[in-house]
C-alpha atoms as a PDB file:
ATOM      1  CA  MET A   1       5.988 -25.482  -9.631  1.00  0.00           C
ATOM      2  CA  PRO A   2       6.846 -23.930  -6.253  1.00  0.00           C
ATOM      3  CA  SER A   3       5.003 -25.013  -3.137  1.00  0.00           C
ATOM      4  CA  LEU A   4       2.849 -22.668  -1.098  1.00  0.00           C
ATOM      5  CA  SER A   5       5.329 -22.796   1.785  1.00  0.00           C
ATOM      6  CA  GLU A   6       8.189 -21.755  -0.521  1.00  0.00           C
ATOM      7  CA  ILE A   7       6.235 -18.755  -1.798  1.00  0.00           C
ATOM      8  CA  VAL A   8       5.115 -17.712   1.687  1.00  0.00           C
ATOM      9  CA  SER A   9       8.634 -17.995   3.113  1.00  0.00           C
ATOM     10  CA  TYR A  10       9.995 -15.906   0.276  1.00  0.00           C
ATOM     11  CA  CYS A  11       7.332 -13.207   0.754  1.00  0.00           C
ATOM     12  CA  ASP A  12       7.916 -13.098   4.516  1.00  0.00           C
ATOM     13  CA  GLU A  13      11.646 -12.648   4.027  1.00  0.00           C
ATOM     14  CA  ARG A  14      11.453 -10.310   1.033  1.00  0.00           C
ATOM     15  CA  THR A  15       9.106  -7.885   2.790  1.00  0.00           C
ATOM     16  CA  ALA A  16      10.991  -8.093   6.114  1.00  0.00           C
ATOM     17  CA  LEU A  17       7.630  -8.970   7.651  1.00  0.00           C
ATOM     18  CA  THR A  18       8.794  -9.382  11.242  1.00  0.00           C
ATOM     19  CA  THR A  19      10.515  -5.983  11.205  1.00  0.00           C
ATOM     20  CA  TYR A  20       7.239  -4.036  11.123  1.00  0.00           C
ATOM     21  CA  ARG A  21       5.069  -3.664  14.238  1.00  0.00           C
ATOM     22  CA  ASP A  22       1.624  -3.515  12.621  1.00  0.00           C
ATOM     23  CA  ALA A  23      -1.869  -3.237  14.072  1.00  0.00           C
ATOM     24  CA  PRO A  24      -2.662  -6.433  16.039  1.00  0.00           C
ATOM     25  CA  ALA A  25      -5.514  -7.344  13.679  1.00  0.00           C
ATOM     26  CA  ALA A  26      -3.475  -6.894  10.493  1.00  0.00           C
ATOM     27  CA  PHE A  27      -2.285 -10.535  10.565  1.00  0.00           C
ATOM     28  CA  ASN A  28       0.411  -9.969   7.956  1.00  0.00           C
ATOM     29  CA  GLY A  29       1.415 -13.116   6.112  1.00  0.00           C
ATOM     30  CA  LEU A  30      -0.560 -16.125   4.924  1.00  0.00           C
ATOM     31  CA  GLN A  31      -4.227 -15.714   5.855  1.00  0.00           C
ATOM     32  CA  VAL A  32      -5.859 -18.489   3.801  1.00  0.00           C
ATOM     33  CA  ALA A  33      -3.992 -21.614   2.667  1.00  0.00           C
ATOM     34  CA  LYS A  34      -4.534 -23.916  -0.318  1.00  0.00           C
ATOM     35  CA  ASP A  35      -3.598 -27.416  -1.433  1.00  0.00           C
ATOM     36  CA  GLY A  36      -1.022 -28.075  -4.121  1.00  0.00           C
ATOM     37  CA  PRO A  37       1.628 -25.892  -5.778  1.00  0.00           C
ATOM     38  CA  VAL A  38       1.321 -22.252  -6.790  1.00  0.00           C
ATOM     39  CA  THR A  39       0.875 -21.669 -10.517  1.00  0.00           C
ATOM     40  CA  CYS A  40      -0.126 -18.001 -10.829  1.00  0.00           C
ATOM     41  CA  VAL A  41       0.424 -14.987  -8.571  1.00  0.00           C
ATOM     42  CA  GLY A  42      -2.120 -12.183  -8.217  1.00  0.00           C
ATOM     43  CA  ALA A  43      -2.150  -8.714  -6.657  1.00  0.00           C
ATOM     44  CA  ALA A  44      -5.086  -6.685  -5.346  1.00  0.00           C
ATOM     45  CA  VAL A  45      -5.320  -3.806  -2.898  1.00  0.00           C
ATOM     46  CA  ASP A  46      -8.384  -4.928  -0.939  1.00  0.00           C
ATOM     47  CA  SER A  47      -9.885  -8.162   0.318  1.00  0.00           C
ATOM     48  CA  GLY A  48     -13.431  -8.689  -0.910  1.00  0.00           C
ATOM     49  CA  SER A  49     -15.669 -11.219  -2.590  1.00  0.00           C
ATOM     50  CA  VAL A  50     -15.518  -9.361  -5.922  1.00  0.00           C
ATOM     51  CA  PRO A  51     -11.711  -9.184  -6.258  1.00  0.00           C
ATOM     52  CA  PHE A  52     -11.466 -12.752  -4.963  1.00  0.00           C
ATOM     53  CA  LYS A  53     -13.874 -13.999  -7.637  1.00  0.00           C
ATOM     54  CA  GLN A  54     -12.006 -12.039 -10.296  1.00  0.00           C
ATOM     55  CA  ALA A  55      -8.718 -13.523  -9.129  1.00  0.00           C
ATOM     56  CA  VAL A  56     -10.050 -17.075  -9.259  1.00  0.00           C
ATOM     57  CA  GLU A  57     -11.521 -16.460 -12.728  1.00  0.00           C
ATOM     58  CA  ALA A  58      -8.126 -15.174 -13.871  1.00  0.00           C
ATOM     59  CA  GLY A  59      -6.447 -18.389 -12.726  1.00  0.00           C
ATOM     60  CA  VAL A  60      -4.721 -16.847  -9.711  1.00  0.00           C
ATOM     61  CA  ASP A  61      -4.002 -19.285  -6.888  1.00  0.00           C
ATOM     62  CA  PHE A  62      -1.811 -17.051  -4.702  1.00  0.00           C
ATOM     63  CA  LEU A  63      -3.288 -13.601  -4.156  1.00  0.00           C
ATOM     64  CA  ILE A  64      -1.339 -10.813  -2.457  1.00  0.00           C
ATOM     65  CA  VAL A  65      -3.433  -8.036  -0.875  1.00  0.00           C
ATOM     66  CA  HIS A  66      -2.589  -4.902   1.075  1.00  0.00           C
ATOM     67  CA  HIS A  67      -5.739  -4.933   3.217  1.00  0.00           C
ATOM     68  CA  GLY A  68      -6.349  -8.414   4.580  1.00  0.00           C
ATOM     69  CA  LEU A  69      -9.399 -10.184   5.972  1.00  0.00           C
ATOM     70  CA  TYR A  70      -9.164  -9.816   9.699  1.00  0.00           C
ATOM     71  CA  TRP A  71      -9.280  -6.186  10.825  1.00  0.00           C
ATOM     72  CA  ASP A  72     -12.338  -6.632  13.041  1.00  0.00           C
ATOM     73  CA  MET A  73     -11.971 -10.241  14.113  1.00  0.00           C
ATOM     74  CA  PRO A  74     -13.335 -12.339  15.602  1.00  0.00           C
ATOM     75  CA  ARG A  75     -16.401 -12.516  13.418  1.00  0.00           C
ATOM     76  CA  PRO A  76     -18.702 -15.400  12.425  1.00  0.00           C
ATOM     77  CA  LEU A  77     -18.222 -17.049   9.047  1.00  0.00           C
ATOM     78  CA  THR A  78     -21.564 -15.840   7.708  1.00  0.00           C
ATOM     79  CA  GLY A  79     -22.865 -13.430   5.091  1.00  0.00           C
ATOM     80  CA  PRO A  80     -20.331 -11.514   2.975  1.00  0.00           C
ATOM     81  CA  PHE A  81     -17.419 -12.737   5.109  1.00  0.00           C
ATOM     82  CA  PHE A  82     -18.388 -16.346   4.369  1.00  0.00           C
ATOM     83  CA  ASP A  83     -18.577 -15.440   0.670  1.00  0.00           C
ATOM     84  CA  ARG A  84     -15.028 -14.091   0.796  1.00  0.00           C
ATOM     85  CA  VAL A  85     -13.514 -17.126   2.486  1.00  0.00           C
ATOM     86  CA  SER A  86     -15.537 -19.702   0.548  1.00  0.00           C
ATOM     87  CA  THR A  87     -14.615 -18.054  -2.763  1.00  0.00           C
ATOM     88  CA  LEU A  88     -10.941 -18.501  -1.941  1.00  0.00           C
ATOM     89  CA  ILE A  89     -11.261 -22.061  -0.670  1.00  0.00           C
ATOM     90  CA  ARG A  90     -13.531 -23.295  -3.464  1.00  0.00           C
ATOM     91  CA  GLY A  91     -11.318 -21.575  -6.031  1.00  0.00           C
ATOM     92  CA  GLY A  92      -8.139 -23.052  -4.567  1.00  0.00           C
ATOM     93  CA  CYS A  93      -6.649 -19.591  -4.042  1.00  0.00           C
ATOM     94  CA  ALA A  94      -4.354 -18.771  -1.124  1.00  0.00           C
ATOM     95  CA  LEU A  95      -4.418 -15.285   0.384  1.00  0.00           C
ATOM     96  CA  TYR A  96      -1.336 -13.400   1.555  1.00  0.00           C
ATOM     97  CA  SER A  97      -1.684 -10.013   3.227  1.00  0.00           C
ATOM     98  CA  SER A  98       1.031  -7.382   3.674  1.00  0.00           C
ATOM     99  CA  HIS A  99       0.050  -4.056   5.226  1.00  0.00           C
ATOM    100  CA  LEU A 100       2.787  -1.911   6.817  1.00  0.00           C
ATOM    101  CA  PRO A 101       5.572  -3.980   5.209  1.00  0.00           C
ATOM    102  CA  LEU A 102       4.198  -2.901   1.826  1.00  0.00           C
ATOM    103  CA  ASP A 103       3.978   0.711   2.960  1.00  0.00           C
ATOM    104  CA  GLY A 104       7.446   1.120   4.394  1.00  0.00           C
ATOM    105  CA  HIS A 105       9.683  -1.303   2.499  1.00  0.00           C
ATOM    106  CA  PRO A 106      12.512   0.673   0.847  1.00  0.00           C
ATOM    107  CA  ASP A 107      12.239  -1.256  -2.429  1.00  0.00           C
ATOM    108  CA  LEU A 108       8.725  -2.719  -2.607  1.00  0.00           C
ATOM    109  CA  GLY A 109       6.781  -0.299  -0.411  1.00  0.00           C
ATOM    110  CA  ASN A 110       4.091   2.089  -1.591  1.00  0.00           C
ATOM    111  CA  ASN A 111       5.871   5.149  -0.230  1.00  0.00           C
ATOM    112  CA  ALA A 112       9.262   4.532  -1.803  1.00  0.00           C
ATOM    113  CA  LEU A 113       7.513   3.698  -5.082  1.00  0.00           C
ATOM    114  CA  LEU A 114       5.357   6.846  -4.853  1.00  0.00           C
ATOM    115  CA  ALA A 115       8.534   8.902  -4.584  1.00  0.00           C
ATOM    116  CA  ARG A 116      10.376   7.105  -7.383  1.00  0.00           C
ATOM    117  CA  GLN A 117       7.517   7.341  -9.865  1.00  0.00           C
ATOM    118  CA  LEU A 118       7.831  11.127  -9.552  1.00  0.00           C
ATOM    119  CA  GLY A 119      11.590  11.057  -9.990  1.00  0.00           C
ATOM    120  CA  PHE A 120      12.470  11.572  -6.306  1.00  0.00           C
ATOM    121  CA  ALA A 121      14.951   9.605  -4.211  1.00  0.00           C
ATOM    122  CA  PRO A 122      13.293   8.262  -1.019  1.00  0.00           C
ATOM    123  CA  THR A 123      16.388   8.583   1.151  1.00  0.00           C
ATOM    124  CA  LEU A 124      14.971  10.261   4.279  1.00  0.00           C
ATOM    125  CA  PRO A 125      13.147   8.101   6.870  1.00  0.00           C
ATOM    126  CA  PHE A 126       9.716   9.485   7.780  1.00  0.00           C
ATOM    127  CA  LEU A 127       6.930   8.334  10.091  1.00  0.00           C
ATOM    128  CA  ILE A 128       9.130   6.030  12.158  1.00  0.00           C
ATOM    129  CA  ARG A 129       7.286   3.395  14.169  1.00  0.00           C
ATOM    130  CA  GLU A 130       9.091   1.047  16.558  1.00  0.00           C
ATOM    131  CA  GLY A 131      12.405   2.074  14.978  1.00  0.00           C
ATOM    132  CA  VAL A 132      11.259   1.337  11.409  1.00  0.00           C
ATOM    133  CA  SER A 133      10.401   3.892   8.736  1.00  0.00           C
ATOM    134  CA  VAL A 134       6.859   3.445   7.438  1.00  0.00           C
ATOM    135  CA  GLY A 135       6.911   6.538   5.238  1.00  0.00           C
ATOM    136  CA  TRP A 136       9.717   8.096   3.241  1.00  0.00           C
ATOM    137  CA  ALA A 137      10.754  11.640   2.398  1.00  0.00           C
ATOM    138  CA  SER A 138      12.881  13.002  -0.412  1.00  0.00           C
ATOM    139  CA  PRO A 139      14.989  16.095  -1.020  1.00  0.00           C
ATOM    140  CA  ASN A 140      13.338  18.378  -3.567  1.00  0.00           C
ATOM    141  CA  ALA A 141      14.638  21.013  -5.971  1.00  0.00           C
ATOM    142  CA  SER A 142      11.471  21.841  -7.911  1.00  0.00           C
ATOM    143  CA  SER A 143       8.296  23.836  -7.278  1.00  0.00           C
ATOM    144  CA  ARG A 144       5.079  22.648  -5.673  1.00  0.00           C
ATOM    145  CA  SER A 145       3.259  23.504  -8.919  1.00  0.00           C
ATOM    146  CA  ALA A 146       5.520  21.067 -10.771  1.00  0.00           C
ATOM    147  CA  LEU A 147       4.749  18.422  -8.134  1.00  0.00           C
ATOM    148  CA  ARG A 148       1.013  19.056  -8.476  1.00  0.00           C
ATOM    149  CA  GLU A 149       1.204  18.717 -12.265  1.00  0.00           C
ATOM    150  CA  GLN A 150       3.098  15.435 -11.972  1.00  0.00           C
ATOM    151  CA  LEU A 151       0.501  14.046  -9.591  1.00  0.00           C
ATOM    152  CA  GLN A 152      -2.399  15.190 -11.764  1.00  0.00           C
ATOM    153  CA  ALA A 153      -0.833  13.397 -14.719  1.00  0.00           C
ATOM    154  CA  ARG A 154      -0.756  10.099 -12.774  1.00  0.00           C
ATOM    155  CA  TYR A 155      -3.871  10.166 -10.591  1.00  0.00           C
ATOM    156  CA  ALA A 156      -7.483  10.633 -11.577  1.00  0.00           C
ATOM    157  CA  ARG A 157      -8.282  12.969  -8.679  1.00  0.00           C
ATOM    158  CA  VAL A 158      -5.827  15.148  -6.813  1.00  0.00           C
ATOM    159  CA  ILE A 159      -6.885  17.472  -3.997  1.00  0.00           C
ATOM    160  CA  ALA A 160      -4.196  20.099  -3.461  1.00  0.00           C
ATOM    161  CA  LEU A 161      -4.054  22.147  -0.255  1.00  0.00           C
ATOM    162  CA  GLU A 162      -1.214  24.573  -0.900  1.00  0.00           C
ATOM    163  CA  PHE A 163      -0.398  26.700   2.123  1.00  0.00           C
ATOM    164  CA  GLY A 164       3.299  25.861   2.443  1.00  0.00           C
ATOM    165  CA  SER A 165       6.404  26.900   0.594  1.00  0.00           C
ATOM    166  CA  PRO A 166       6.191  27.301  -3.207  1.00  0.00           C
ATOM    167  CA  LEU A 167       9.638  25.650  -3.265  1.00  0.00           C
ATOM    168  CA  PRO A 168       9.554  22.913  -0.615  1.00  0.00           C
ATOM    169  CA  SER A 169      12.983  21.555   0.286  1.00  0.00           C
ATOM    170  CA  ARG A 170      11.637  18.109   1.229  1.00  0.00           C
ATOM    171  CA  ILE A 171       8.574  16.073   0.268  1.00  0.00           C
ATOM    172  CA  ALA A 172       7.122  13.307   2.453  1.00  0.00           C
ATOM    173  CA  PHE A 173       5.164  10.323   1.161  1.00  0.00           C
ATOM    174  CA  CYS A 174       2.535   8.373   3.108  1.00  0.00           C
ATOM    175  CA  SER A 175       0.199   6.180   1.070  1.00  0.00           C
ATOM    176  CA  GLY A 176      -3.404   5.503   2.048  1.00  0.00           C
ATOM    177  CA  SER A 177      -4.401   7.442   5.150  1.00  0.00           C
ATOM    178  CA  GLY A 178      -2.096  10.326   6.026  1.00  0.00           C
ATOM    179  CA  ASN A 179      -3.789  11.237   9.310  1.00  0.00           C
ATOM    180  CA  SER A 180      -0.835  10.116  11.406  1.00  0.00           C
ATOM    181  CA  ALA A 181       1.621  11.760   9.020  1.00  0.00           C
ATOM    182  CA  VAL A 182       0.492  15.384   9.394  1.00  0.00           C
ATOM    183  CA  PRO A 183       1.665  15.720  13.028  1.00  0.00           C
ATOM    184  CA  GLU A 184       4.944  14.165  11.910  1.00  0.00           C
ATOM    185  CA  LEU A 185       5.306  16.892   9.282  1.00  0.00           C
ATOM    186  CA  ILE A 186       5.014  19.547  11.967  1.00  0.00           C
ATOM    187  CA  ARG A 187       7.469  17.734  14.235  1.00  0.00           C
ATOM    188  CA  THR A 188      10.128  17.237  11.545  1.00  0.00           C
ATOM    189  CA  GLY A 189       9.743  20.586   9.805  1.00  0.00           C
ATOM    190  CA  ILE A 190       8.698  19.092   6.463  1.00  0.00           C
ATOM    191  CA  ASP A 191       5.917  21.183   4.942  1.00  0.00           C
ATOM    192  CA  THR A 192       4.827  19.027   1.971  1.00  0.00           C
ATOM    193  CA  LEU A 193       3.063  15.643   1.995  1.00  0.00           C
ATOM    194  CA  VAL A 194       1.790  13.353  -0.745  1.00  0.00           C
ATOM    195  CA  THR A 195      -0.827  10.971   0.653  1.00  0.00           C
ATOM    196  CA  GLY A 196      -4.095   9.236  -0.164  1.00  0.00           C
ATOM    197  CA  GLU A 197      -6.722  10.759   2.111  1.00  0.00           C
ATOM    198  CA  LEU A 198      -7.132  12.915   5.224  1.00  0.00           C
ATOM    199  CA  ARG A 199      -9.815  13.787   7.733  1.00  0.00           C
ATOM    200  CA  GLU A 200     -11.554  17.142   7.373  1.00  0.00           C
ATOM    201  CA  GLU A 201      -9.854  18.841  10.320  1.00  0.00           C
ATOM    202  CA  TRP A 202      -6.415  18.764   8.682  1.00  0.00           C
ATOM    203  CA  PHE A 203      -7.461  21.589   6.330  1.00  0.00           C
ATOM    204  CA  THR A 204      -7.326  24.090   9.185  1.00  0.00           C
ATOM    205  CA  VAL A 205      -4.073  22.590  10.454  1.00  0.00           C
ATOM    206  CA  ALA A 206      -2.569  22.987   6.976  1.00  0.00           C
ATOM    207  CA  GLN A 207      -3.578  26.644   6.942  1.00  0.00           C
ATOM    208  CA  GLU A 208      -2.236  27.362  10.402  1.00  0.00           C
ATOM    209  CA  HIS A 209       1.045  25.473   9.993  1.00  0.00           C
ATOM    210  CA  ARG A 210       1.598  26.429   6.342  1.00  0.00           C
ATOM    211  CA  LEU A 211       1.588  22.950   4.851  1.00  0.00           C
ATOM    212  CA  ASN A 212       1.241  21.635   1.301  1.00  0.00           C
ATOM    213  CA  LEU A 213      -0.969  18.526   1.316  1.00  0.00           C
ATOM    214  CA  TYR A 214      -1.726  16.478  -1.817  1.00  0.00           C
ATOM    215  CA  LEU A 215      -4.476  13.861  -1.590  1.00  0.00           C
ATOM    216  CA  CYS A 216      -4.451  11.359  -4.449  1.00  0.00           C
ATOM    217  CA  GLY A 217      -6.838   8.671  -3.179  1.00  0.00           C
ATOM    218  CA  HIS A 218      -6.378   5.919  -0.603  1.00  0.00           C
ATOM    219  CA  TYR A 219      -6.800   3.092  -3.102  1.00  0.00           C
ATOM    220  CA  ALA A 220      -4.848   4.805  -5.887  1.00  0.00           C
ATOM    221  CA  THR A 221      -1.761   5.351  -3.751  1.00  0.00           C
ATOM    222  CA  GLU A 222      -1.706   1.729  -2.580  1.00  0.00           C
ATOM    223  CA  VAL A 223      -1.712  -0.185  -5.858  1.00  0.00           C
ATOM    224  CA  HIS A 224       2.066   0.012  -6.155  1.00  0.00           C
ATOM    225  CA  GLY A 225       3.332  -2.253  -3.372  1.00  0.00           C
ATOM    226  CA  VAL A 226       1.170  -5.306  -4.114  1.00  0.00           C
ATOM    227  CA  GLN A 227       2.089  -5.120  -7.794  1.00  0.00           C
ATOM    228  CA  ALA A 228       5.786  -4.809  -6.970  1.00  0.00           C
ATOM    229  CA  LEU A 229       5.722  -7.824  -4.651  1.00  0.00           C
ATOM    230  CA  ALA A 230       3.680  -9.926  -7.093  1.00  0.00           C
ATOM    231  CA  ALA A 231       6.084  -9.109  -9.928  1.00  0.00           C
ATOM    232  CA  ASP A 232       9.047  -9.895  -7.685  1.00  0.00           C
ATOM    233  CA  VAL A 233       7.617 -13.273  -6.638  1.00  0.00           C
ATOM    234  CA  ALA A 234       6.684 -14.130 -10.213  1.00  0.00           C
ATOM    235  CA  GLN A 235      10.192 -13.376 -11.446  1.00  0.00           C
ATOM    236  CA  ARG A 236      11.827 -15.315  -8.612  1.00  0.00           C
ATOM    237  CA  PHE A 237       9.794 -18.470  -9.249  1.00  0.00           C
ATOM    238  CA  GLY A 238       9.182 -18.192 -12.997  1.00  0.00           C
ATOM    239  CA  LEU A 239       5.420 -17.734 -12.664  1.00  0.00           C
ATOM    240  CA  PRO A 240       2.884 -15.485 -14.396  1.00  0.00           C
ATOM    241  CA  TRP A 241       1.194 -12.768 -12.374  1.00  0.00           C
ATOM    242  CA  ARG A 242      -1.982 -10.708 -12.703  1.00  0.00           C
ATOM    243  CA  PHE A 243      -3.145  -7.431 -11.201  1.00  0.00           C
ATOM    244  CA  ILE A 244      -6.797  -7.493 -10.129  1.00  0.00           C
ATOM    245  CA  PRO A 245      -7.897  -3.848 -10.427  1.00  0.00           C
ATOM    246  CA  SER A 246     -10.829  -2.155  -8.738  1.00  0.00           C
ATOM    247  CA  ASP A 247     -12.863   0.899  -9.703  1.00  0.00           C
ATOM    248  CA  ASN A 248     -12.650   2.078  -6.070  1.00  0.00           C
ATOM    249  CA  PRO A 249     -12.612   5.909  -6.289  1.00  0.00           C
ATOM    250  CA  LEU A 250     -11.871   6.456  -2.589  1.00  0.00           C
END
């Protein structure tokens, strides 16, 4: 069985972790360690006592998440936060977090995978931060109605704001929150975005700037990267892997 350090080193390299300049509190990489080898890989979108308990019950001892523990650190190890950490430690489950690397990665990232699942080629860098593309855009030859129908077939709830071209030439993808992506649309001349969620004020901006915005859910658009990385790690080391789903509708 592979050691924890072998798995962590592989994940760091595979996701090009040091390439992405993330929020200071993201703490991408290993967040909670464990003793002994890794026997089963898990994937979940969010940190939380419930998914951690489900992972431990499923036999997972290396859990990959998109949203890690430490966004508002420092905090005392009490209450629900204690429950999270103690669940992992008592269950012998390591925690590995990958935020922007699993948004922007050209193979394993949410945005490239969002494009590919719809049959698009994510070849155009979009939402560039510190010289690295966090989002991706694709050339398009079909109608926005066809795009909407494809999204509705894959996601439980799709909010469509259709003020842009009926035949958009390019489509941008930004999983989770697309609030920083809308100004980038205007700057780059792309009028169509597939994202997870947006603040209320972007409705008026979409009207005024003639944009097509498709909101498919923050959680729903970010299940892809963690599953891709878990499957990749499992294949590399000959391990089983499990996805720990959530009924998060947001």
